[in-house]
Amino acid sequence: SASSGTRADAQALAAWCRANGLRSVLVVTTADHSRRILRVTTRAREPIGTQVSVRGATHADFDPATWWHTTDGRRIVLIEWQKLILDLVSHPF
């Protein structure tokens, strides 16, 4: 089924881990999305105790080492920072 965002993806992953008895998973995502996905999946999996590791894909359009060189890179960083700040305000650790 289609997802409605990062939280929905994390909840679906937690449910899948629970249904399959998984104790650890590796999530590979885009480098610009990895920090926020780790926070969201950590919250979603806490009740079931699944260890979640998140890694940024090495072959992606976004390059964390040179993102400021392009308009797209700057736009991606701005959007992800806005989402991360909202997540931090909504769910402080």
PDB file of N, CA and C in Angstrom:
ATOM      1  N   SER A   1       0.841  -1.194   0.000  1.00  0.00           N
ATOM      2  CA  SER A   1       0.000   0.000   0.000  1.00  0.00           C
ATOM      3  C   SER A   1       0.879   1.247   0.000  1.00  0.00           C
ATOM      4  N   ALA A   2       0.318   2.344  -0.481  1.00  0.00           N
ATOM      5  CA  ALA A   2       1.071   3.593  -0.554  1.00  0.00           C
ATOM      6  C   ALA A   2       1.231   4.192   0.833  1.00  0.00           C
ATOM      7  N   SER A   3       2.374   4.786   1.064  1.00  0.00           N
ATOM      8  CA  SER A   3       2.673   5.403   2.354  1.00  0.00           C
ATOM      9  C   SER A   3       2.293   6.874   2.317  1.00  0.00           C
ATOM     10  N   SER A   4       2.042   7.428   3.500  1.00  0.00           N
ATOM     11  CA  SER A   4       1.727   8.851   3.569  1.00  0.00           C
ATOM     12  C   SER A   4       2.850   9.640   4.231  1.00  0.00           C
ATOM     13  N   GLY A   5       4.062   9.113   4.221  1.00  0.00           N
ATOM     14  CA  GLY A   5       5.187   9.855   4.762  1.00  0.00           C
ATOM     15  C   GLY A   5       6.095   9.021   5.631  1.00  0.00           C
ATOM     16  N   THR A   6       7.080   9.710   6.210  1.00  0.00           N
ATOM     17  CA  THR A   6       8.109   9.048   7.001  1.00  0.00           C
ATOM     18  C   THR A   6       7.531   8.330   8.208  1.00  0.00           C
ATOM     19  N   ARG A   7       6.618   8.992   8.943  1.00  0.00           N
ATOM     20  CA  ARG A   7       6.024   8.347  10.122  1.00  0.00           C
ATOM     21  C   ARG A   7       5.263   7.086   9.749  1.00  0.00           C
ATOM     22  N   ALA A   8       4.485   7.168   8.675  1.00  0.00           N
ATOM     23  CA  ALA A   8       3.727   5.994   8.223  1.00  0.00           C
ATOM     24  C   ALA A   8       4.667   4.869   7.808  1.00  0.00           C
ATOM     25  N   ASP A   9       5.764   5.219   7.140  1.00  0.00           N
ATOM     26  CA  ASP A   9       6.764   4.209   6.757  1.00  0.00           C
ATOM     27  C   ASP A   9       7.363   3.545   7.994  1.00  0.00           C
ATOM     28  N   ALA A  10       7.692   4.359   9.003  1.00  0.00           N
ATOM     29  CA  ALA A  10       8.298   3.826  10.226  1.00  0.00           C
ATOM     30  C   ALA A  10       7.322   2.915  10.963  1.00  0.00           C
ATOM     31  N   GLN A  11       6.065   3.302  11.021  1.00  0.00           N
ATOM     32  CA  GLN A  11       5.063   2.465  11.678  1.00  0.00           C
ATOM     33  C   GLN A  11       4.860   1.157  10.923  1.00  0.00           C
ATOM     34  N   ALA A  12       4.867   1.235   9.598  1.00  0.00           N
ATOM     35  CA  ALA A  12       4.731   0.024   8.791  1.00  0.00           C
ATOM     36  C   ALA A  12       5.942  -0.896   8.990  1.00  0.00           C
ATOM     37  N   LEU A  13       7.124  -0.315   9.069  1.00  0.00           N
ATOM     38  CA  LEU A  13       8.337  -1.100   9.307  1.00  0.00           C
ATOM     39  C   LEU A  13       8.276  -1.773  10.676  1.00  0.00           C
ATOM     40  N   ALA A  14       7.854  -1.023  11.697  1.00  0.00           N
ATOM     41  CA  ALA A  14       7.738  -1.595  13.047  1.00  0.00           C
ATOM     42  C   ALA A  14       6.740  -2.751  13.064  1.00  0.00           C
ATOM     43  N   ALA A  15       5.615  -2.576  12.406  1.00  0.00           N
ATOM     44  CA  ALA A  15       4.601  -3.643  12.351  1.00  0.00           C
ATOM     45  C   ALA A  15       5.145  -4.866  11.620  1.00  0.00           C
ATOM     46  N   TRP A  16       5.892  -4.643  10.545  1.00  0.00           N
ATOM     47  CA  TRP A  16       6.464  -5.750   9.772  1.00  0.00           C
ATOM     48  C   TRP A  16       7.505  -6.501  10.599  1.00  0.00           C
ATOM     49  N   CYS A  17       8.341  -5.740  11.325  1.00  0.00           N
ATOM     50  CA  CYS A  17       9.344  -6.366  12.198  1.00  0.00           C
ATOM     51  C   CYS A  17       8.666  -7.203  13.278  1.00  0.00           C
ATOM     52  N   ARG A  18       7.625  -6.651  13.872  1.00  0.00           N
ATOM     53  CA  ARG A  18       6.889  -7.357  14.915  1.00  0.00           C
ATOM     54  C   ARG A  18       6.261  -8.640  14.351  1.00  0.00           C
ATOM     55  N   ALA A  19       5.634  -8.536  13.194  1.00  0.00           N
ATOM     56  CA  ALA A  19       4.967  -9.689  12.574  1.00  0.00           C
ATOM     57  C   ALA A  19       5.953 -10.785  12.186  1.00  0.00           C
ATOM     58  N   ASN A  20       7.187 -10.399  11.872  1.00  0.00           N
ATOM     59  CA  ASN A  20       8.184 -11.366  11.426  1.00  0.00           C
ATOM     60  C   ASN A  20       9.213 -11.714  12.496  1.00  0.00           C
ATOM     61  N   GLY A  21       9.042 -11.174  13.691  1.00  0.00           N
ATOM     62  CA  GLY A  21       9.936 -11.492  14.802  1.00  0.00           C
ATOM     63  C   GLY A  21      11.371 -11.034  14.609  1.00  0.00           C
ATOM     64  N   LEU A  22      11.570  -9.939  13.879  1.00  0.00           N
ATOM     65  CA  LEU A  22      12.929  -9.453  13.622  1.00  0.00           C
ATOM     66  C   LEU A  22      13.457  -8.670  14.815  1.00  0.00           C
ATOM     67  N   ARG A  23      14.707  -8.886  15.139  1.00  0.00           N
ATOM     68  CA  ARG A  23      15.338  -8.165  16.245  1.00  0.00           C
ATOM     69  C   ARG A  23      16.202  -7.013  15.761  1.00  0.00           C
ATOM     70  N   SER A  24      16.570  -7.006  14.488  1.00  0.00           N
ATOM     71  CA  SER A  24      17.336  -5.885  13.944  1.00  0.00           C
ATOM     72  C   SER A  24      17.062  -5.750  12.451  1.00  0.00           C
ATOM     73  N   VAL A  25      17.129  -4.510  11.971  1.00  0.00           N
ATOM     74  CA  VAL A  25      16.939  -4.218  10.550  1.00  0.00           C
ATOM     75  C   VAL A  25      17.915  -3.121  10.140  1.00  0.00           C
ATOM     76  N   LEU A  26      18.246  -3.108   8.867  1.00  0.00           N
ATOM     77  CA  LEU A  26      19.066  -2.066   8.277  1.00  0.00           C
ATOM     78  C   LEU A  26      18.205  -1.324   7.274  1.00  0.00           C
ATOM     79  N   VAL A  27      18.066  -0.018   7.462  1.00  0.00           N
ATOM     80  CA  VAL A  27      17.294   0.823   6.554  1.00  0.00           C
ATOM     81  C   VAL A  27      18.285   1.624   5.727  1.00  0.00           C
ATOM     82  N   VAL A  28      18.202   1.502   4.410  1.00  0.00           N
ATOM     83  CA  VAL A  28      19.041   2.282   3.509  1.00  0.00           C
ATOM     84  C   VAL A  28      18.142   3.332   2.871  1.00  0.00           C
ATOM     85  N   THR A  29      18.536   4.584   3.017  1.00  0.00           N
ATOM     86  CA  THR A  29      17.742   5.692   2.519  1.00  0.00           C
ATOM     87  C   THR A  29      18.668   6.716   1.879  1.00  0.00           C
ATOM     88  N   THR A  30      18.114   7.773   1.368  1.00  0.00           N
ATOM     89  CA  THR A  30      18.961   8.813   0.796  1.00  0.00           C
ATOM     90  C   THR A  30      19.748   9.498   1.914  1.00  0.00           C
ATOM     91  N   ALA A  31      20.919   9.972   1.604  1.00  0.00           N
ATOM     92  CA  ALA A  31      21.797  10.575   2.607  1.00  0.00           C
ATOM     93  C   ALA A  31      21.146  11.776   3.283  1.00  0.00           C
ATOM     94  N   ASP A  32      20.361  12.550   2.547  1.00  0.00           N
ATOM     95  CA  ASP A  32      19.724  13.730   3.116  1.00  0.00           C
ATOM     96  C   ASP A  32      18.594  13.387   4.083  1.00  0.00           C
ATOM     97  N   HIS A  33      18.104  12.176   4.039  1.00  0.00           N
ATOM     98  CA  HIS A  33      16.946  11.759   4.831  1.00  0.00           C
ATOM     99  C   HIS A  33      17.339  10.887   6.023  1.00  0.00           C
ATOM    100  N   SER A  34      18.590  10.483   6.106  1.00  0.00           N
ATOM    101  CA  SER A  34      18.989   9.450   7.069  1.00  0.00           C
ATOM    102  C   SER A  34      18.857   9.870   8.530  1.00  0.00           C
ATOM    103  N   ARG A  35      19.181  11.086   8.882  1.00  0.00           N
ATOM    104  CA  ARG A  35      19.100  11.505  10.290  1.00  0.00           C
ATOM    105  C   ARG A  35      17.659  11.491  10.786  1.00  0.00           C
ATOM    106  N   ARG A  36      16.760  12.054   9.987  1.00  0.00           N
ATOM    107  CA  ARG A  36      15.359  12.115  10.414  1.00  0.00           C
ATOM    108  C   ARG A  36      14.722  10.735  10.430  1.00  0.00           C
ATOM    109  N   ILE A  37      15.036   9.899   9.449  1.00  0.00           N
ATOM    110  CA  ILE A  37      14.452   8.548   9.431  1.00  0.00           C
ATOM    111  C   ILE A  37      14.913   7.745  10.640  1.00  0.00           C
ATOM    112  N   LEU A  38      16.149   7.952  11.088  1.00  0.00           N
ATOM    113  CA  LEU A  38      16.617   7.253  12.285  1.00  0.00           C
ATOM    114  C   LEU A  38      15.792   7.666  13.507  1.00  0.00           C
ATOM    115  N   ARG A  39      15.555   8.967  13.675  1.00  0.00           N
ATOM    116  CA  ARG A  39      14.740   9.433  14.808  1.00  0.00           C
ATOM    117  C   ARG A  39      13.332   8.849  14.754  1.00  0.00           C
ATOM    118  N   VAL A  40      12.716   8.898  13.611  1.00  0.00           N
ATOM    119  CA  VAL A  40      11.326   8.448  13.483  1.00  0.00           C
ATOM    120  C   VAL A  40      11.224   6.933  13.656  1.00  0.00           C
ATOM    121  N   THR A  41      12.137   6.172  13.053  1.00  0.00           N
ATOM    122  CA  THR A  41      12.069   4.714  13.205  1.00  0.00           C
ATOM    123  C   THR A  41      12.414   4.286  14.624  1.00  0.00           C
ATOM    124  N   THR A  42      13.277   5.023  15.300  1.00  0.00           N
ATOM    125  CA  THR A  42      13.601   4.708  16.697  1.00  0.00           C
ATOM    126  C   THR A  42      12.349   4.833  17.564  1.00  0.00           C
ATOM    127  N   ARG A  43      11.590   5.890  17.366  1.00  0.00           N
ATOM    128  CA  ARG A  43      10.345   6.055  18.136  1.00  0.00           C
ATOM    129  C   ARG A  43       9.335   4.962  17.804  1.00  0.00           C
ATOM    130  N   ALA A  44       9.217   4.606  16.535  1.00  0.00           N
ATOM    131  CA  ALA A  44       8.216   3.622  16.120  1.00  0.00           C
ATOM    132  C   ALA A  44       8.542   2.226  16.613  1.00  0.00           C
ATOM    133  N   ARG A  45       9.809   1.900  16.763  1.00  0.00           N
ATOM    134  CA  ARG A  45      10.186   0.530  17.119  1.00  0.00           C
ATOM    135  C   ARG A  45      10.361   0.316  18.613  1.00  0.00           C
ATOM    136  N   GLU A  46      10.383   1.358  19.416  1.00  0.00           N
ATOM    137  CA  GLU A  46      10.654   1.215  20.842  1.00  0.00           C
ATOM    138  C   GLU A  46       9.784   0.164  21.533  1.00  0.00           C
ATOM    139  N   PRO A  47       8.462   0.120  21.287  1.00  0.00           N
ATOM    140  CA  PRO A  47       7.653  -0.871  21.999  1.00  0.00           C
ATOM    141  C   PRO A  47       8.012  -2.324  21.676  1.00  0.00           C
ATOM    142  N   ILE A  48       8.612  -2.568  20.502  1.00  0.00           N
ATOM    143  CA  ILE A  48       8.921  -3.952  20.133  1.00  0.00           C
ATOM    144  C   ILE A  48      10.395  -4.290  20.295  1.00  0.00           C
ATOM    145  N   GLY A  49      11.246  -3.292  20.533  1.00  0.00           N
ATOM    146  CA  GLY A  49      12.649  -3.541  20.815  1.00  0.00           C
ATOM    147  C   GLY A  49      13.511  -3.910  19.632  1.00  0.00           C
ATOM    148  N   THR A  50      13.084  -3.641  18.427  1.00  0.00           N
ATOM    149  CA  THR A  50      13.885  -3.942  17.245  1.00  0.00           C
ATOM    150  C   THR A  50      15.018  -2.923  17.123  1.00  0.00           C
ATOM    151  N   GLN A  51      16.235  -3.398  16.900  1.00  0.00           N
ATOM    152  CA  GLN A  51      17.389  -2.519  16.672  1.00  0.00           C
ATOM    153  C   GLN A  51      17.340  -2.024  15.234  1.00  0.00           C
ATOM    154  N   VAL A  52      17.342  -0.721  15.046  1.00  0.00           N
ATOM    155  CA  VAL A  52      17.281  -0.134  13.712  1.00  0.00           C
ATOM    156  C   VAL A  52      18.596   0.563  13.423  1.00  0.00           C
ATOM    157  N   SER A  53      19.221   0.216  12.304  1.00  0.00           N
ATOM    158  CA  SER A  53      20.416   0.912  11.811  1.00  0.00           C
ATOM    159  C   SER A  53      20.019   1.609  10.522  1.00  0.00           C
ATOM    160  N   VAL A  54      20.462   2.827  10.347  1.00  0.00           N
ATOM    161  CA  VAL A  54      20.132   3.597   9.141  1.00  0.00           C
ATOM    162  C   VAL A  54      21.428   3.999   8.463  1.00  0.00           C
ATOM    163  N   ARG A  55      21.492   3.807   7.169  1.00  0.00           N
ATOM    164  CA  ARG A  55      22.660   4.199   6.372  1.00  0.00           C
ATOM    165  C   ARG A  55      22.196   4.989   5.160  1.00  0.00           C
ATOM    166  N   GLY A  56      22.943   6.004   4.823  1.00  0.00           N
ATOM    167  CA  GLY A  56      22.668   6.761   3.608  1.00  0.00           C
ATOM    168  C   GLY A  56      23.204   6.008   2.400  1.00  0.00           C
ATOM    169  N   ALA A  57      22.425   5.979   1.351  1.00  0.00           N
ATOM    170  CA  ALA A  57      22.845   5.309   0.119  1.00  0.00           C
ATOM    171  C   ALA A  57      24.077   5.999  -0.452  1.00  0.00           C
ATOM    172  N   THR A  58      25.021   5.212  -0.925  1.00  0.00           N
ATOM    173  CA  THR A  58      26.246   5.799  -1.471  1.00  0.00           C
ATOM    174  C   THR A  58      26.078   6.282  -2.905  1.00  0.00           C
ATOM    175  N   HIS A  59      25.123   5.727  -3.616  1.00  0.00           N
ATOM    176  CA  HIS A  59      24.893   6.127  -5.016  1.00  0.00           C
ATOM    177  C   HIS A  59      23.576   6.880  -5.093  1.00  0.00           C
ATOM    178  N   ALA A  60      23.618   8.146  -4.715  1.00  0.00           N
ATOM    179  CA  ALA A  60      22.425   8.978  -4.727  1.00  0.00           C
ATOM    180  C   ALA A  60      22.766  10.332  -5.329  1.00  0.00           C
ATOM    181  N   ASP A  61      21.744  11.061  -5.737  1.00  0.00           N
ATOM    182  CA  ASP A  61      21.956  12.384  -6.323  1.00  0.00           C
ATOM    183  C   ASP A  61      22.453  13.397  -5.306  1.00  0.00           C
ATOM    184  N   PHE A  62      22.063  13.230  -4.041  1.00  0.00           N
ATOM    185  CA  PHE A  62      22.460  14.167  -2.996  1.00  0.00           C
ATOM    186  C   PHE A  62      23.829  13.787  -2.461  1.00  0.00           C
ATOM    187  N   ASP A  63      24.745  14.749  -2.425  1.00  0.00           N
ATOM    188  CA  ASP A  63      26.089  14.511  -1.896  1.00  0.00           C
ATOM    189  C   ASP A  63      26.287  15.381  -0.661  1.00  0.00           C
ATOM    190  N   PRO A  64      26.338  14.763   0.545  1.00  0.00           N
ATOM    191  CA  PRO A  64      26.474  15.565   1.756  1.00  0.00           C
ATOM    192  C   PRO A  64      27.776  16.366   1.831  1.00  0.00           C
ATOM    193  N   ALA A  65      28.756  16.010   1.030  1.00  0.00           N
ATOM    194  CA  ALA A  65      30.037  16.723   1.053  1.00  0.00           C
ATOM    195  C   ALA A  65      30.020  17.995   0.202  1.00  0.00           C
ATOM    196  N   THR A  66      29.079  18.083  -0.753  1.00  0.00           N
ATOM    197  CA  THR A  66      29.069  19.241  -1.664  1.00  0.00           C
ATOM    198  C   THR A  66      27.666  19.793  -1.913  1.00  0.00           C
ATOM    199  N   TRP A  67      26.735  19.588  -0.995  1.00  0.00           N
ATOM    200  CA  TRP A  67      25.338  19.965  -1.216  1.00  0.00           C
ATOM    201  C   TRP A  67      25.159  21.449  -1.530  1.00  0.00           C
ATOM    202  N   TRP A  68      26.003  22.313  -1.007  1.00  0.00           N
ATOM    203  CA  TRP A  68      25.843  23.751  -1.186  1.00  0.00           C
ATOM    204  C   TRP A  68      26.229  24.230  -2.579  1.00  0.00           C
ATOM    205  N   HIS A  69      26.778  23.347  -3.397  1.00  0.00           N
ATOM    206  CA  HIS A  69      27.216  23.734  -4.751  1.00  0.00           C
ATOM    207  C   HIS A  69      26.059  23.856  -5.733  1.00  0.00           C
ATOM    208  N   THR A  70      24.917  23.271  -5.412  1.00  0.00           N
ATOM    209  CA  THR A  70      23.798  23.284  -6.361  1.00  0.00           C
ATOM    210  C   THR A  70      22.531  23.823  -5.693  1.00  0.00           C
ATOM    211  N   THR A  71      21.667  24.376  -6.517  1.00  0.00           N
ATOM    212  CA  THR A  71      20.378  24.857  -6.014  1.00  0.00           C
ATOM    213  C   THR A  71      19.563  23.689  -5.461  1.00  0.00           C
ATOM    214  N   ASP A  72      19.563  22.565  -6.152  1.00  0.00           N
ATOM    215  CA  ASP A  72      18.826  21.391  -5.667  1.00  0.00           C
ATOM    216  C   ASP A  72      19.367  20.922  -4.320  1.00  0.00           C
ATOM    217  N   GLY A  73      20.671  20.911  -4.166  1.00  0.00           N
ATOM    218  CA  GLY A  73      21.275  20.495  -2.907  1.00  0.00           C
ATOM    219  C   GLY A  73      20.882  21.415  -1.761  1.00  0.00           C
ATOM    220  N   ARG A  74      20.911  22.713  -2.002  1.00  0.00           N
ATOM    221  CA  ARG A  74      20.512  23.684  -0.977  1.00  0.00           C
ATOM    222  C   ARG A  74      19.033  23.540  -0.632  1.00  0.00           C
ATOM    223  N   ARG A  75      18.210  23.317  -1.628  1.00  0.00           N
ATOM    224  CA  ARG A  75      16.772  23.138  -1.414  1.00  0.00           C
ATOM    225  C   ARG A  75      16.502  21.891  -0.580  1.00  0.00           C
ATOM    226  N   ILE A  76      17.165  20.801  -0.911  1.00  0.00           N
ATOM    227  CA  ILE A  76      16.993  19.549  -0.168  1.00  0.00           C
ATOM    228  C   ILE A  76      17.387  19.726   1.291  1.00  0.00           C
ATOM    229  N   VAL A  77      18.516  20.378   1.534  1.00  0.00           N
ATOM    230  CA  VAL A  77      18.975  20.593   2.909  1.00  0.00           C
ATOM    231  C   VAL A  77      17.988  21.471   3.668  1.00  0.00           C
ATOM    232  N   LEU A  78      17.516  22.520   3.049  1.00  0.00           N
ATOM    233  CA  LEU A  78      16.558  23.409   3.710  1.00  0.00           C
ATOM    234  C   LEU A  78      15.282  22.658   4.098  1.00  0.00           C
ATOM    235  N   ILE A  79      14.752  21.881   3.190  1.00  0.00           N
ATOM    236  CA  ILE A  79      13.526  21.122   3.468  1.00  0.00           C
ATOM    237  C   ILE A  79      13.763  20.091   4.565  1.00  0.00           C
ATOM    238  N   GLU A  80      14.863  19.346   4.481  1.00  0.00           N
ATOM    239  CA  GLU A  80      15.138  18.334   5.511  1.00  0.00           C
ATOM    240  C   GLU A  80      15.387  18.960   6.874  1.00  0.00           C
ATOM    241  N   TRP A  81      16.073  20.096   6.928  1.00  0.00           N
ATOM    242  CA  TRP A  81      16.294  20.768   8.211  1.00  0.00           C
ATOM    243  C   TRP A  81      14.977  21.236   8.810  1.00  0.00           C
ATOM    244  N   GLN A  82      14.079  21.753   7.972  1.00  0.00           N
ATOM    245  CA  GLN A  82      12.770  22.176   8.472  1.00  0.00           C
ATOM    246  C   GLN A  82      12.022  20.984   9.071  1.00  0.00           C
ATOM    247  N   LYS A  83      12.052  19.869   8.375  1.00  0.00           N
ATOM    248  CA  LYS A  83      11.368  18.668   8.869  1.00  0.00           C
ATOM    249  C   LYS A  83      12.035  18.133  10.132  1.00  0.00           C
ATOM    250  N   LEU A  84      13.357  18.174  10.187  1.00  0.00           N
ATOM    251  CA  LEU A  84      14.074  17.704  11.367  1.00  0.00           C
ATOM    252  C   LEU A  84      13.785  18.596  12.577  1.00  0.00           C
ATOM    253  N   ILE A  85      13.767  19.901  12.375  1.00  0.00           N
ATOM    254  CA  ILE A  85      13.457  20.818  13.476  1.00  0.00           C
ATOM    255  C   ILE A  85      12.035  20.577  13.981  1.00  0.00           C
ATOM    256  N   LEU A  86      11.088  20.404  13.080  1.00  0.00           N
ATOM    257  CA  LEU A  86       9.719  20.098  13.492  1.00  0.00           C
ATOM    258  C   LEU A  86       9.676  18.798  14.288  1.00  0.00           C
ATOM    259  N   ASP A  87      10.420  17.795  13.847  1.00  0.00           N
ATOM    260  CA  ASP A  87      10.466  16.526  14.553  1.00  0.00           C
ATOM    261  C   ASP A  87      11.100  16.697  15.942  1.00  0.00           C
ATOM    262  N   LEU A  88      12.158  17.489  16.036  1.00  0.00           N
ATOM    263  CA  LEU A  88      12.812  17.728  17.328  1.00  0.00           C
ATOM    264  C   LEU A  88      11.887  18.465  18.298  1.00  0.00           C
ATOM    265  N   VAL A  89      11.144  19.446  17.783  1.00  0.00           N
ATOM    266  CA  VAL A  89      10.213  20.196  18.633  1.00  0.00           C
ATOM    267  C   VAL A  89       9.043  19.288  19.059  1.00  0.00           C
ATOM    268  N   SER A  90       8.561  18.473  18.152  1.00  0.00           N
ATOM    269  CA  SER A  90       7.418  17.591  18.427  1.00  0.00           C
ATOM    270  C   SER A  90       7.777  16.425  19.327  1.00  0.00           C
ATOM    271  N   HIS A  91       9.018  15.920  19.188  1.00  0.00           N
ATOM    272  CA  HIS A  91       9.442  14.728  19.920  1.00  0.00           C
ATOM    273  C   HIS A  91      10.863  14.903  20.444  1.00  0.00           C
ATOM    274  N   PRO A  92      11.058  15.768  21.440  1.00  0.00           N
ATOM    275  CA  PRO A  92      12.428  15.928  21.975  1.00  0.00           C
ATOM    276  C   PRO A  92      12.869  14.653  22.689  1.00  0.00           C
ATOM    277  N   PHE A  93      14.130  14.320  22.558  1.00  0.00           N
ATOM    278  CA  PHE A  93      14.670  13.131  23.254  1.00  0.00           C
ATOM    279  C   PHE A  93      15.260  13.557  24.567  1.00  0.00           C
TER     280      PHE A  93
END
